[in-house]
Amino acid sequence: MRANCSSGKKYYDAESQATEALLFVWSQNSFREGEGPVTVYCCDECGGFHLTSKGEMHEKLKELLKSGKLDNLREAARWEQKFRKS
């Protein structure tokens, strides 16, 4: 991942990296409906991939939400934060 593109957004070299970042962001945060990034796209300016809150929800994110696995990832993240504080 590069720091940024001229759009000011984080840049990912590959769609798979951006998708992984999307799922990670969701595992670390509790977004309400209509908040947060929902998919990734290829940027016309830099040729890299970015997260976006516009458009249809990414299939992998839909699967994570539907399966309930996102709740498990969020719980693991909470425990990790607790251990880091101690």
PDB file of N, CA and C in Angstrom:
ATOM      1  N   MET A   1       0.829  -1.173   0.000  1.00  0.00           N
ATOM      2  CA  MET A   1       0.000   0.000   0.000  1.00  0.00           C
ATOM      3  C   MET A   1       0.878   1.243   0.000  1.00  0.00           C
ATOM      4  N   ARG A   2       0.594   2.174  -0.871  1.00  0.00           N
ATOM      5  CA  ARG A   2       1.245   3.484  -0.871  1.00  0.00           C
ATOM      6  C   ARG A   2       0.500   4.385   0.097  1.00  0.00           C
ATOM      7  N   ALA A   3       1.105   5.510   0.440  1.00  0.00           N
ATOM      8  CA  ALA A   3       0.481   6.423   1.400  1.00  0.00           C
ATOM      9  C   ALA A   3      -0.827   6.994   0.874  1.00  0.00           C
ATOM     10  N   ASN A   4      -0.817   7.664  -0.250  1.00  0.00           N
ATOM     11  CA  ASN A   4      -2.008   8.329  -0.767  1.00  0.00           C
ATOM     12  C   ASN A   4      -1.881   8.558  -2.265  1.00  0.00           C
ATOM     13  N   CYS A   5      -2.995   8.847  -2.897  1.00  0.00           N
ATOM     14  CA  CYS A   5      -2.973   9.308  -4.280  1.00  0.00           C
ATOM     15  C   CYS A   5      -3.396  10.775  -4.252  1.00  0.00           C
ATOM     16  N   SER A   6      -3.454  11.410  -5.403  1.00  0.00           N
ATOM     17  CA  SER A   6      -3.804  12.833  -5.438  1.00  0.00           C
ATOM     18  C   SER A   6      -5.221  13.094  -4.926  1.00  0.00           C
ATOM     19  N   SER A   7      -6.049  12.065  -4.853  1.00  0.00           N
ATOM     20  CA  SER A   7      -7.398  12.217  -4.315  1.00  0.00           C
ATOM     21  C   SER A   7      -7.385  12.376  -2.793  1.00  0.00           C
ATOM     22  N   GLY A   8      -6.245  12.045  -2.173  1.00  0.00           N
ATOM     23  CA  GLY A   8      -6.138  12.113  -0.723  1.00  0.00           C
ATOM     24  C   GLY A   8      -6.530  10.820  -0.027  1.00  0.00           C
ATOM     25  N   LYS A   9      -6.971   9.842  -0.791  1.00  0.00           N
ATOM     26  CA  LYS A   9      -7.374   8.564  -0.208  1.00  0.00           C
ATOM     27  C   LYS A   9      -6.186   7.605  -0.141  1.00  0.00           C
ATOM     28  N   LYS A  10      -6.271   6.647   0.780  1.00  0.00           N
ATOM     29  CA  LYS A  10      -5.257   5.600   0.846  1.00  0.00           C
ATOM     30  C   LYS A  10      -5.295   4.802  -0.440  1.00  0.00           C
ATOM     31  N   TYR A  11      -4.137   4.393  -0.878  1.00  0.00           N
ATOM     32  CA  TYR A  11      -3.952   3.690  -2.146  1.00  0.00           C
ATOM     33  C   TYR A  11      -3.567   2.248  -1.861  1.00  0.00           C
ATOM     34  N   TYR A  12      -4.203   1.324  -2.553  1.00  0.00           N
ATOM     35  CA  TYR A  12      -3.852  -0.091  -2.461  1.00  0.00           C
ATOM     36  C   TYR A  12      -3.450  -0.566  -3.848  1.00  0.00           C
ATOM     37  N   ASP A  13      -2.363  -1.323  -3.928  1.00  0.00           N
ATOM     38  CA  ASP A  13      -1.844  -1.795  -5.210  1.00  0.00           C
ATOM     39  C   ASP A  13      -2.782  -2.764  -5.916  1.00  0.00           C
ATOM     40  N   ALA A  14      -3.491  -3.555  -5.149  1.00  0.00           N
ATOM     41  CA  ALA A  14      -4.337  -4.601  -5.733  1.00  0.00           C
ATOM     42  C   ALA A  14      -5.732  -4.559  -5.123  1.00  0.00           C
ATOM     43  N   GLU A  15      -6.692  -5.006  -5.903  1.00  0.00           N
ATOM     44  CA  GLU A  15      -8.070  -5.054  -5.420  1.00  0.00           C
ATOM     45  C   GLU A  15      -8.180  -5.938  -4.180  1.00  0.00           C
ATOM     46  N   SER A  16      -7.428  -7.022  -4.165  1.00  0.00           N
ATOM     47  CA  SER A  16      -7.481  -7.931  -3.019  1.00  0.00           C
ATOM     48  C   SER A  16      -6.993  -7.243  -1.739  1.00  0.00           C
ATOM     49  N   GLN A  17      -5.989  -6.377  -1.846  1.00  0.00           N
ATOM     50  CA  GLN A  17      -5.510  -5.627  -0.676  1.00  0.00           C
ATOM     51  C   GLN A  17      -6.579  -4.657  -0.181  1.00  0.00           C
ATOM     52  N   ALA A  18      -7.236  -3.984  -1.114  1.00  0.00           N
ATOM     53  CA  ALA A  18      -8.295  -3.043  -0.746  1.00  0.00           C
ATOM     54  C   ALA A  18      -9.464  -3.781  -0.104  1.00  0.00           C
ATOM     55  N   THR A  19      -9.802  -4.949  -0.640  1.00  0.00           N
ATOM     56  CA  THR A  19     -10.898  -5.745  -0.075  1.00  0.00           C
ATOM     57  C   THR A  19     -10.555  -6.195   1.333  1.00  0.00           C
ATOM     58  N   GLU A  20      -9.321  -6.620   1.532  1.00  0.00           N
ATOM     59  CA  GLU A  20      -8.875  -7.016   2.868  1.00  0.00           C
ATOM     60  C   GLU A  20      -8.959  -5.831   3.832  1.00  0.00           C
ATOM     61  N   ALA A  21      -8.560  -4.656   3.368  1.00  0.00           N
ATOM     62  CA  ALA A  21      -8.642  -3.446   4.198  1.00  0.00           C
ATOM     63  C   ALA A  21     -10.093  -3.111   4.527  1.00  0.00           C
ATOM     64  N   LEU A  22     -10.976  -3.266   3.557  1.00  0.00           N
ATOM     65  CA  LEU A  22     -12.407  -3.021   3.773  1.00  0.00           C
ATOM     66  C   LEU A  22     -12.940  -3.911   4.888  1.00  0.00           C
ATOM     67  N   LEU A  23     -12.643  -5.185   4.817  1.00  0.00           N
ATOM     68  CA  LEU A  23     -13.120  -6.127   5.835  1.00  0.00           C
ATOM     69  C   LEU A  23     -12.492  -5.828   7.190  1.00  0.00           C
ATOM     70  N   PHE A  24     -11.211  -5.440   7.182  1.00  0.00           N
ATOM     71  CA  PHE A  24     -10.534  -5.095   8.430  1.00  0.00           C
ATOM     72  C   PHE A  24     -11.180  -3.872   9.085  1.00  0.00           C
ATOM     73  N   VAL A  25     -11.464  -2.845   8.291  1.00  0.00           N
ATOM     74  CA  VAL A  25     -12.095  -1.631   8.823  1.00  0.00           C
ATOM     75  C   VAL A  25     -13.432  -1.971   9.473  1.00  0.00           C
ATOM     76  N   TRP A  26     -14.180  -2.834   8.821  1.00  0.00           N
ATOM     77  CA  TRP A  26     -15.475  -3.235   9.392  1.00  0.00           C
ATOM     78  C   TRP A  26     -15.290  -4.053  10.668  1.00  0.00           C
ATOM     79  N   SER A  27     -14.220  -4.836  10.758  1.00  0.00           N
ATOM     80  CA  SER A  27     -13.995  -5.638  11.961  1.00  0.00           C
ATOM     81  C   SER A  27     -13.558  -4.778  13.136  1.00  0.00           C
ATOM     82  N   GLN A  28     -13.008  -3.610  12.861  1.00  0.00           N
ATOM     83  CA  GLN A  28     -12.501  -2.728  13.906  1.00  0.00           C
ATOM     84  C   GLN A  28     -13.504  -1.654  14.342  1.00  0.00           C
ATOM     85  N   ASN A  29     -14.585  -1.507  13.588  1.00  0.00           N
ATOM     86  CA  ASN A  29     -15.558  -0.442  13.850  1.00  0.00           C
ATOM     87  C   ASN A  29     -16.978  -0.989  13.852  1.00  0.00           C
ATOM     88  N   SER A  30     -17.845  -0.277  14.526  1.00  0.00           N
ATOM     89  CA  SER A  30     -19.266  -0.627  14.531  1.00  0.00           C
ATOM     90  C   SER A  30     -20.019   0.447  13.750  1.00  0.00           C
ATOM     91  N   PHE A  31     -20.085   0.274  12.460  1.00  0.00           N
ATOM     92  CA  PHE A  31     -20.769   1.243  11.608  1.00  0.00           C
ATOM     93  C   PHE A  31     -22.279   1.055  11.709  1.00  0.00           C
ATOM     94  N   ARG A  32     -22.988   2.170  11.671  1.00  0.00           N
ATOM     95  CA  ARG A  32     -24.442   2.120  11.575  1.00  0.00           C
ATOM     96  C   ARG A  32     -24.812   2.011  10.105  1.00  0.00           C
ATOM     97  N   GLU A  33     -26.048   1.662   9.837  1.00  0.00           N
ATOM     98  CA  GLU A  33     -26.500   1.548   8.454  1.00  0.00           C
ATOM     99  C   GLU A  33     -26.289   2.875   7.732  1.00  0.00           C
ATOM    100  N   GLY A  34     -25.692   2.798   6.557  1.00  0.00           N
ATOM    101  CA  GLY A  34     -25.419   3.992   5.761  1.00  0.00           C
ATOM    102  C   GLY A  34     -24.101   4.672   6.088  1.00  0.00           C
ATOM    103  N   GLU A  35     -23.322   4.102   7.011  1.00  0.00           N
ATOM    104  CA  GLU A  35     -22.027   4.659   7.386  1.00  0.00           C
ATOM    105  C   GLU A  35     -20.911   3.732   6.929  1.00  0.00           C
ATOM    106  N   GLY A  36     -19.741   4.294   6.803  1.00  0.00           N
ATOM    107  CA  GLY A  36     -18.541   3.514   6.528  1.00  0.00           C
ATOM    108  C   GLY A  36     -18.417   3.095   5.075  1.00  0.00           C
ATOM    109  N   PRO A  37     -17.238   2.608   4.729  1.00  0.00           N
ATOM    110  CA  PRO A  37     -17.013   2.141   3.358  1.00  0.00           C
ATOM    111  C   PRO A  37     -17.781   0.855   3.105  1.00  0.00           C
ATOM    112  N   VAL A  38     -18.232   0.674   1.868  1.00  0.00           N
ATOM    113  CA  VAL A  38     -18.998  -0.529   1.540  1.00  0.00           C
ATOM    114  C   VAL A  38     -18.389  -1.349   0.411  1.00  0.00           C
ATOM    115  N   THR A  39     -17.456  -0.751  -0.332  1.00  0.00           N
ATOM    116  CA  THR A  39     -16.851  -1.491  -1.436  1.00  0.00           C
ATOM    117  C   THR A  39     -15.523  -0.856  -1.818  1.00  0.00           C
ATOM    118  N   VAL A  40     -14.892  -1.382  -2.853  1.00  0.00           N
ATOM    119  CA  VAL A  40     -13.626  -0.862  -3.363  1.00  0.00           C
ATOM    120  C   VAL A  40     -13.792  -0.512  -4.833  1.00  0.00           C
ATOM    121  N   TYR A  41     -12.921   0.345  -5.328  1.00  0.00           N
ATOM    122  CA  TYR A  41     -12.964   0.708  -6.746  1.00  0.00           C
ATOM    123  C   TYR A  41     -11.562   1.036  -7.242  1.00  0.00           C
ATOM    124  N   CYS A  42     -11.398   0.947  -8.546  1.00  0.00           N
ATOM    125  CA  CYS A  42     -10.143   1.303  -9.186  1.00  0.00           C
ATOM    126  C   CYS A  42     -10.175   2.789  -9.522  1.00  0.00           C
ATOM    127  N   CYS A  43      -9.179   3.523  -9.074  1.00  0.00           N
ATOM    128  CA  CYS A  43      -9.103   4.968  -9.244  1.00  0.00           C
ATOM    129  C   CYS A  43      -8.582   5.335 -10.634  1.00  0.00           C
ATOM    130  N   ASP A  44      -9.291   6.240 -11.301  1.00  0.00           N
ATOM    131  CA  ASP A  44      -8.865   6.726 -12.611  1.00  0.00           C
ATOM    132  C   ASP A  44      -7.614   7.584 -12.522  1.00  0.00           C
ATOM    133  N   GLU A  45      -7.375   8.212 -11.367  1.00  0.00           N
ATOM    134  CA  GLU A  45      -6.231   9.110 -11.204  1.00  0.00           C
ATOM    135  C   GLU A  45      -4.922   8.362 -10.989  1.00  0.00           C
ATOM    136  N   CYS A  46      -4.930   7.364 -10.116  1.00  0.00           N
ATOM    137  CA  CYS A  46      -3.668   6.702  -9.757  1.00  0.00           C
ATOM    138  C   CYS A  46      -3.579   5.251 -10.219  1.00  0.00           C
ATOM    139  N   GLY A  47      -4.688   4.680 -10.646  1.00  0.00           N
ATOM    140  CA  GLY A  47      -4.678   3.284 -11.081  1.00  0.00           C
ATOM    141  C   GLY A  47      -4.711   2.292  -9.941  1.00  0.00           C
ATOM    142  N   GLY A  48      -4.692   2.801  -8.714  1.00  0.00           N
ATOM    143  CA  GLY A  48      -4.765   1.936  -7.546  1.00  0.00           C
ATOM    144  C   GLY A  48      -6.205   1.740  -7.126  1.00  0.00           C
ATOM    145  N   PHE A  49      -6.380   1.124  -5.980  1.00  0.00           N
ATOM    146  CA  PHE A  49      -7.713   0.831  -5.462  1.00  0.00           C
ATOM    147  C   PHE A  49      -7.943   1.594  -4.169  1.00  0.00           C
ATOM    148  N   HIS A  50      -9.184   2.028  -3.982  1.00  0.00           N
ATOM    149  CA  HIS A  50      -9.591   2.775  -2.799  1.00  0.00           C
ATOM    150  C   HIS A  50     -10.875   2.181  -2.233  1.00  0.00           C
ATOM    151  N   LEU A  51     -11.147   2.520  -0.967  1.00  0.00           N
ATOM    152  CA  LEU A  51     -12.413   2.180  -0.340  1.00  0.00           C
ATOM    153  C   LEU A  51     -13.390   3.303  -0.614  1.00  0.00           C
ATOM    154  N   THR A  52     -14.673   2.973  -0.704  1.00  0.00           N
ATOM    155  CA  THR A  52     -15.695   3.991  -0.908  1.00  0.00           C
ATOM    156  C   THR A  52     -16.977   3.628  -0.173  1.00  0.00           C
ATOM    157  N   SER A  53     -17.708   4.659   0.206  1.00  0.00           N
ATOM    158  CA  SER A  53     -19.005   4.456   0.863  1.00  0.00           C
ATOM    159  C   SER A  53     -20.145   4.511  -0.153  1.00  0.00           C
ATOM    160  N   LYS A  54     -19.804   4.678  -1.417  1.00  0.00           N
ATOM    161  CA  LYS A  54     -20.822   4.769  -2.467  1.00  0.00           C
ATOM    162  C   LYS A  54     -20.943   3.441  -3.207  1.00  0.00           C
ATOM    163  N   GLY A  55     -22.127   3.177  -3.713  1.00  0.00           N
ATOM    164  CA  GLY A  55     -22.336   1.983  -4.530  1.00  0.00           C
ATOM    165  C   GLY A  55     -22.870   0.804  -3.745  1.00  0.00           C
ATOM    166  N   GLU A  56     -22.897  -0.321  -4.431  1.00  0.00           N
ATOM    167  CA  GLU A  56     -23.374  -1.579  -3.847  1.00  0.00           C
ATOM    168  C   GLU A  56     -22.346  -2.144  -2.875  1.00  0.00           C
ATOM    169  N   MET A  57     -22.825  -2.804  -1.844  1.00  0.00           N
ATOM    170  CA  MET A  57     -21.932  -3.423  -0.876  1.00  0.00           C
ATOM    171  C   MET A  57     -21.150  -4.559  -1.530  1.00  0.00           C
ATOM    172  N   HIS A  58     -19.868  -4.628  -1.232  1.00  0.00           N
ATOM    173  CA  HIS A  58     -18.980  -5.673  -1.752  1.00  0.00           C
ATOM    174  C   HIS A  58     -19.506  -7.046  -1.320  1.00  0.00           C
ATOM    175  N   GLU A  59     -19.435  -8.002  -2.219  1.00  0.00           N
ATOM    176  CA  GLU A  59     -19.954  -9.352  -1.946  1.00  0.00           C
ATOM    177  C   GLU A  59     -19.306  -9.986  -0.721  1.00  0.00           C
ATOM    178  N   LYS A  60     -17.995  -9.816  -0.558  1.00  0.00           N
ATOM    179  CA  LYS A  60     -17.321 -10.421   0.596  1.00  0.00           C
ATOM    180  C   LYS A  60     -17.794  -9.796   1.900  1.00  0.00           C
ATOM    181  N   LEU A  61     -18.080  -8.494   1.880  1.00  0.00           N
ATOM    182  CA  LEU A  61     -18.601  -7.840   3.071  1.00  0.00           C
ATOM    183  C   LEU A  61     -20.017  -8.328   3.357  1.00  0.00           C
ATOM    184  N   LYS A  62     -20.830  -8.472   2.321  1.00  0.00           N
ATOM    185  CA  LYS A  62     -22.183  -9.012   2.499  1.00  0.00           C
ATOM    186  C   LYS A  62     -22.132 -10.392   3.145  1.00  0.00           C
ATOM    187  N   GLU A  63     -21.240 -11.238   2.645  1.00  0.00           N
ATOM    188  CA  GLU A  63     -21.099 -12.595   3.177  1.00  0.00           C
ATOM    189  C   GLU A  63     -20.692 -12.569   4.645  1.00  0.00           C
ATOM    190  N   LEU A  64     -19.753 -11.672   4.980  1.00  0.00           N
ATOM    191  CA  LEU A  64     -19.275 -11.560   6.350  1.00  0.00           C
ATOM    192  C   LEU A  64     -20.405 -11.139   7.284  1.00  0.00           C
ATOM    193  N   LEU A  65     -21.201 -10.187   6.845  1.00  0.00           N
ATOM    194  CA  LEU A  65     -22.334  -9.730   7.649  1.00  0.00           C
ATOM    195  C   LEU A  65     -23.406 -10.808   7.786  1.00  0.00           C
ATOM    196  N   LYS A  66     -23.736 -11.446   6.675  1.00  0.00           N
ATOM    197  CA  LYS A  66     -24.794 -12.461   6.664  1.00  0.00           C
ATOM    198  C   LYS A  66     -24.431 -13.680   7.520  1.00  0.00           C
ATOM    199  N   SER A  67     -23.176 -14.086   7.462  1.00  0.00           N
ATOM    200  CA  SER A  67     -22.742 -15.285   8.185  1.00  0.00           C
ATOM    201  C   SER A  67     -22.605 -15.076   9.685  1.00  0.00           C
ATOM    202  N   GLY A  68     -22.536 -13.810  10.109  1.00  0.00           N
ATOM    203  CA  GLY A  68     -22.326 -13.530  11.523  1.00  0.00           C
ATOM    204  C   GLY A  68     -20.862 -13.532  11.925  1.00  0.00           C
ATOM    205  N   LYS A  69     -19.973 -13.802  10.980  1.00  0.00           N
ATOM    206  CA  LYS A  69     -18.548 -13.848  11.293  1.00  0.00           C
ATOM    207  C   LYS A  69     -17.999 -12.474  11.655  1.00  0.00           C
ATOM    208  N   LEU A  70     -18.644 -11.427  11.175  1.00  0.00           N
ATOM    209  CA  LEU A  70     -18.186 -10.079  11.510  1.00  0.00           C
ATOM    210  C   LEU A  70     -18.272  -9.837  13.014  1.00  0.00           C
ATOM    211  N   ASP A  71     -19.314 -10.334  13.640  1.00  0.00           N
ATOM    212  CA  ASP A  71     -19.445 -10.191  15.097  1.00  0.00           C
ATOM    213  C   ASP A  71     -18.274 -10.855  15.815  1.00  0.00           C
ATOM    214  N   ASN A  72     -17.854 -12.024  15.332  1.00  0.00           N
ATOM    215  CA  ASN A  72     -16.709 -12.723  15.923  1.00  0.00           C
ATOM    216  C   ASN A  72     -15.426 -11.914  15.754  1.00  0.00           C
ATOM    217  N   LEU A  73     -15.232 -11.325  14.570  1.00  0.00           N
ATOM    218  CA  LEU A  73     -14.041 -10.510  14.317  1.00  0.00           C
ATOM    219  C   LEU A  73     -14.034  -9.264  15.202  1.00  0.00           C
ATOM    220  N   ARG A  74     -15.202  -8.652  15.387  1.00  0.00           N
ATOM    221  CA  ARG A  74     -15.292  -7.471  16.249  1.00  0.00           C
ATOM    222  C   ARG A  74     -14.992  -7.821  17.700  1.00  0.00           C
ATOM    223  N   GLU A  75     -15.494  -8.956  18.137  1.00  0.00           N
ATOM    224  CA  GLU A  75     -15.224  -9.397  19.507  1.00  0.00           C
ATOM    225  C   GLU A  75     -13.732  -9.658  19.691  1.00  0.00           C
ATOM    226  N   ALA A  76     -13.102 -10.289  18.725  1.00  0.00           N
ATOM    227  CA  ALA A  76     -11.658 -10.532  18.791  1.00  0.00           C
ATOM    228  C   ALA A  76     -10.892  -9.210  18.833  1.00  0.00           C
ATOM    229  N   ALA A  77     -11.325  -8.229  18.067  1.00  0.00           N
ATOM    230  CA  ALA A  77     -10.666  -6.922  18.055  1.00  0.00           C
ATOM    231  C   ALA A  77     -10.798  -6.238  19.414  1.00  0.00           C
ATOM    232  N   ARG A  78     -11.983  -6.362  20.034  1.00  0.00           N
ATOM    233  CA  ARG A  78     -12.176  -5.760  21.365  1.00  0.00           C
ATOM    234  C   ARG A  78     -11.229  -6.385  22.388  1.00  0.00           C
ATOM    235  N   TRP A  79     -11.097  -7.704  22.340  1.00  0.00           N
ATOM    236  CA  TRP A  79     -10.198  -8.381  23.273  1.00  0.00           C
ATOM    237  C   TRP A  79      -8.747  -7.998  23.012  1.00  0.00           C
ATOM    238  N   GLU A  80      -8.397  -7.881  21.765  1.00  0.00           N
ATOM    239  CA  GLU A  80      -7.030  -7.483  21.424  1.00  0.00           C
ATOM    240  C   GLU A  80      -6.720  -6.097  21.984  1.00  0.00           C
ATOM    241  N   GLN A  81      -7.668  -5.181  21.861  1.00  0.00           N
ATOM    242  CA  GLN A  81      -7.477  -3.829  22.405  1.00  0.00           C
ATOM    243  C   GLN A  81      -7.348  -3.856  23.920  1.00  0.00           C
ATOM    244  N   LYS A  82      -8.135  -4.706  24.579  1.00  0.00           N
ATOM    245  CA  LYS A  82      -8.044  -4.822  26.034  1.00  0.00           C
ATOM    246  C   LYS A  82      -6.666  -5.303  26.460  1.00  0.00           C
ATOM    247  N   PHE A  83      -6.141  -6.316  25.758  1.00  0.00           N
ATOM    248  CA  PHE A  83      -4.821  -6.859  26.099  1.00  0.00           C
ATOM    249  C   PHE A  83      -3.711  -5.851  25.837  1.00  0.00           C
ATOM    250  N   ARG A  84      -3.868  -5.033  24.827  1.00  0.00           N
ATOM    251  CA  ARG A  84      -2.851  -4.028  24.527  1.00  0.00           C
ATOM    252  C   ARG A  84      -2.809  -2.957  25.609  1.00  0.00           C
ATOM    253  N   LYS A  85      -3.955  -2.655  26.218  1.00  0.00           N
ATOM    254  CA  LYS A  85      -4.017  -1.626  27.247  1.00  0.00           C
ATOM    255  C   LYS A  85      -3.370  -2.088  28.552  1.00  0.00           C
ATOM    256  N   SER A  86      -3.373  -3.402  28.792  1.00  0.00           N
ATOM    257  CA  SER A  86      -2.835  -3.885  30.065  1.00  0.00           C
ATOM    258  C   SER A  86      -1.346  -4.112  30.016  1.00  0.00           C
TER     259      SER A  86
END
